[in-house]
Amino acid sequence: MSYCDHHVPESMAEAVAVNEACNQALPSELATALRPVWLFAQPYKAEKRERGLYWRGYFELLLGPERIHDDWWQFPRARDYYLARRDDAARFWVFQDVSDGAWYVHGEFA
């Protein structure tokens, strides 16, 4: 995978052939940013239940939000990202879509 200069998380990497050089240099603002090891190809929809946020278990939000804007010049939207711990102690990157309030699970930390 090679880094691409894009502000939307799922567009920040692209596959390159094994014999091609990849770009591993990150801009300074991303070098220390909280990012998961595994970013899912598509975010999974989470449910807001009585006990809290749920996707294959319940979540506790630990850190955040970090607001990331999608392609605002085409489709103005924003996401608030959080570090969350599921009840089995696995840590995930979750976000709430600011426009409709829906919750998603976008990646998993090692």
C-alpha atoms as a PDB file:
ATOM      1  CA  MET A   1       0.000   0.000   0.000  1.00  0.00           C
ATOM      2  CA  SER A   2       1.147   3.499  -0.774  1.00  0.00           C
ATOM      3  CA  TYR A   3       0.108   6.762   0.926  1.00  0.00           C
ATOM      4  CA  CYS A   4      -2.080   9.154  -1.096  1.00  0.00           C
ATOM      5  CA  ASP A   5      -2.521  12.775  -0.124  1.00  0.00           C
ATOM      6  CA  HIS A   6      -6.238  12.815   0.637  1.00  0.00           C
ATOM      7  CA  HIS A   7      -8.240  13.914   3.666  1.00  0.00           C
ATOM      8  CA  VAL A   8     -10.833  11.093   3.589  1.00  0.00           C
ATOM      9  CA  PRO A   9      -9.402   8.060   5.466  1.00  0.00           C
ATOM     10  CA  GLU A  10     -10.517   5.379   2.999  1.00  0.00           C
ATOM     11  CA  SER A  11      -8.840   7.292   0.130  1.00  0.00           C
ATOM     12  CA  MET A  12      -5.439   7.730   1.813  1.00  0.00           C
ATOM     13  CA  ALA A  13      -3.914   4.510   0.497  1.00  0.00           C
ATOM     14  CA  GLU A  14      -3.679   2.767  -2.827  1.00  0.00           C
ATOM     15  CA  ALA A  15      -2.402  -0.622  -3.859  1.00  0.00           C
ATOM     16  CA  VAL A  16       0.834  -0.677  -5.839  1.00  0.00           C
ATOM     17  CA  ALA A  17       2.548  -3.538  -7.642  1.00  0.00           C
ATOM     18  CA  VAL A  18       5.108  -5.459  -5.629  1.00  0.00           C
ATOM     19  CA  ASN A  19       7.951  -4.154  -7.797  1.00  0.00           C
ATOM     20  CA  GLU A  20       6.877  -0.481  -7.532  1.00  0.00           C
ATOM     21  CA  ALA A  21       8.057   1.973  -4.910  1.00  0.00           C
ATOM     22  CA  CYS A  22       5.462   3.092  -2.405  1.00  0.00           C
ATOM     23  CA  ASN A  23       5.096   6.412  -0.638  1.00  0.00           C
ATOM     24  CA  GLN A  24       5.444   5.968   3.142  1.00  0.00           C
ATOM     25  CA  ALA A  25       6.066   9.644   3.971  1.00  0.00           C
ATOM     26  CA  LEU A  26       3.162  11.107   5.909  1.00  0.00           C
ATOM     27  CA  PRO A  27       2.469  14.811   6.383  1.00  0.00           C
ATOM     28  CA  SER A  28       3.354  16.039   9.866  1.00  0.00           C
ATOM     29  CA  GLU A  29      -0.286  16.343  10.958  1.00  0.00           C
ATOM     30  CA  LEU A  30      -0.822  12.630  10.263  1.00  0.00           C
ATOM     31  CA  ALA A  31       2.496  11.381  11.638  1.00  0.00           C
ATOM     32  CA  THR A  32       1.162  11.572  15.205  1.00  0.00           C
ATOM     33  CA  ALA A  33      -2.559  11.161  14.459  1.00  0.00           C
ATOM     34  CA  LEU A  34      -4.512   8.321  16.025  1.00  0.00           C
ATOM     35  CA  ARG A  35      -5.106   5.835  13.193  1.00  0.00           C
ATOM     36  CA  PRO A  36      -5.974   2.121  13.264  1.00  0.00           C
ATOM     37  CA  VAL A  37      -3.722  -0.593  11.879  1.00  0.00           C
ATOM     38  CA  TRP A  38      -6.620  -2.085   9.888  1.00  0.00           C
ATOM     39  CA  LEU A  39      -8.986   0.232   8.051  1.00  0.00           C
ATOM     40  CA  PHE A  40     -12.039  -1.617   6.776  1.00  0.00           C
ATOM     41  CA  ALA A  41     -12.738  -1.339   3.031  1.00  0.00           C
ATOM     42  CA  GLN A  42     -16.200  -0.032   3.920  1.00  0.00           C
ATOM     43  CA  PRO A  43     -17.296   1.168   7.360  1.00  0.00           C
ATOM     44  CA  TYR A  44     -19.714  -1.164   9.178  1.00  0.00           C
ATOM     45  CA  LYS A  45     -22.963   0.342  10.442  1.00  0.00           C
ATOM     46  CA  ALA A  46     -23.237   0.274  14.228  1.00  0.00           C
ATOM     47  CA  GLU A  47     -26.472   0.419  16.223  1.00  0.00           C
ATOM     48  CA  LYS A  48     -27.375   2.874  18.941  1.00  0.00           C
ATOM     49  CA  ARG A  49     -29.031   0.676  21.581  1.00  0.00           C
ATOM     50  CA  GLU A  50     -30.329   1.305  25.076  1.00  0.00           C
ATOM     51  CA  ARG A  51     -26.992   0.205  26.607  1.00  0.00           C
ATOM     52  CA  GLY A  52     -24.980   2.204  24.071  1.00  0.00           C
ATOM     53  CA  LEU A  53     -23.231   1.797  20.745  1.00  0.00           C
ATOM     54  CA  TYR A  54     -23.251  -1.808  19.444  1.00  0.00           C
ATOM     55  CA  TRP A  55     -21.432  -3.734  16.684  1.00  0.00           C
ATOM     56  CA  ARG A  56     -20.547  -7.343  17.552  1.00  0.00           C
ATOM     57  CA  GLY A  57     -20.461  -6.134  21.176  1.00  0.00           C
ATOM     58  CA  TYR A  58     -20.920  -2.892  23.107  1.00  0.00           C
ATOM     59  CA  PHE A  59     -18.516   0.059  22.850  1.00  0.00           C
ATOM     60  CA  GLU A  60     -17.166   2.604  25.295  1.00  0.00           C
ATOM     61  CA  LEU A  61     -15.875   5.821  23.702  1.00  0.00           C
ATOM     62  CA  LEU A  62     -12.387   6.545  25.065  1.00  0.00           C
ATOM     63  CA  LEU A  63     -11.010   9.471  23.085  1.00  0.00           C
ATOM     64  CA  GLY A  64     -12.343  12.002  20.612  1.00  0.00           C
ATOM     65  CA  PRO A  65     -13.896  13.443  18.672  1.00  0.00           C
ATOM     66  CA  GLU A  66     -11.615  14.262  15.762  1.00  0.00           C
ATOM     67  CA  ARG A  67     -13.675  15.876  13.006  1.00  0.00           C
ATOM     68  CA  ILE A  68     -12.813  14.832   9.460  1.00  0.00           C
ATOM     69  CA  HIS A  69     -14.599  16.486   6.558  1.00  0.00           C
ATOM     70  CA  ASP A  70     -15.469  14.474   3.461  1.00  0.00           C
ATOM     71  CA  ASP A  71     -15.192  16.024   0.015  1.00  0.00           C
ATOM     72  CA  TRP A  72     -16.884  19.236   1.181  1.00  0.00           C
ATOM     73  CA  TRP A  73     -16.778  20.869  -2.252  1.00  0.00           C
ATOM     74  CA  GLN A  74     -18.864  18.019  -3.755  1.00  0.00           C
ATOM     75  CA  PHE A  75     -20.948  16.572  -0.904  1.00  0.00           C
ATOM     76  CA  PRO A  76     -20.567  18.579   2.299  1.00  0.00           C
ATOM     77  CA  ARG A  77     -20.396  16.065   5.156  1.00  0.00           C
ATOM     78  CA  ALA A  78     -18.385  15.606   8.297  1.00  0.00           C
ATOM     79  CA  ARG A  79     -17.517  12.680  10.555  1.00  0.00           C
ATOM     80  CA  ASP A  80     -16.586  12.742  14.231  1.00  0.00           C
ATOM     81  CA  TYR A  81     -14.063   9.948  14.901  1.00  0.00           C
ATOM     82  CA  TYR A  82     -13.435   8.301  18.285  1.00  0.00           C
ATOM     83  CA  LEU A  83     -11.183   5.667  19.768  1.00  0.00           C
ATOM     84  CA  ALA A  84     -13.541   3.092  21.276  1.00  0.00           C
ATOM     85  CA  ARG A  85     -13.120  -0.104  23.286  1.00  0.00           C
ATOM     86  CA  ARG A  86     -15.513  -2.959  22.758  1.00  0.00           C
ATOM     87  CA  ASP A  87     -16.620  -5.082  25.719  1.00  0.00           C
ATOM     88  CA  ASP A  88     -14.112  -7.802  24.667  1.00  0.00           C
ATOM     89  CA  ALA A  89     -11.277  -5.198  25.082  1.00  0.00           C
ATOM     90  CA  ALA A  90     -10.663  -4.838  21.309  1.00  0.00           C
ATOM     91  CA  ARG A  91     -10.085  -1.217  20.269  1.00  0.00           C
ATOM     92  CA  PHE A  92     -11.724   0.315  17.213  1.00  0.00           C
ATOM     93  CA  TRP A  93     -11.968   3.571  15.288  1.00  0.00           C
ATOM     94  CA  VAL A  94     -15.643   4.566  15.183  1.00  0.00           C
ATOM     95  CA  PHE A  95     -17.334   7.631  13.784  1.00  0.00           C
ATOM     96  CA  GLN A  96     -20.633   9.415  13.856  1.00  0.00           C
ATOM     97  CA  ASP A  97     -21.880  10.965  10.629  1.00  0.00           C
ATOM     98  CA  VAL A  98     -22.628  14.541  11.643  1.00  0.00           C
ATOM     99  CA  SER A  99     -25.368  15.007   9.019  1.00  0.00           C
ATOM    100  CA  ASP A 100     -27.620  12.117  10.051  1.00  0.00           C
ATOM    101  CA  GLY A 101     -26.230  10.953  13.422  1.00  0.00           C
ATOM    102  CA  ALA A 102     -25.574   7.384  12.219  1.00  0.00           C
ATOM    103  CA  TRP A 103     -22.635   5.483  13.792  1.00  0.00           C
ATOM    104  CA  TYR A 104     -20.042   3.349  11.977  1.00  0.00           C
ATOM    105  CA  VAL A 105     -17.043   1.171  12.803  1.00  0.00           C
ATOM    106  CA  HIS A 106     -14.203   2.053  10.418  1.00  0.00           C
ATOM    107  CA  GLY A 107     -11.060   0.278  11.620  1.00  0.00           C
ATOM    108  CA  GLU A 108      -9.390  -1.821  14.305  1.00  0.00           C
ATOM    109  CA  PHE A 109      -6.274  -1.111  16.364  1.00  0.00           C
ATOM    110  CA  ALA A 110      -3.644  -3.802  16.993  1.00  0.00           C
END
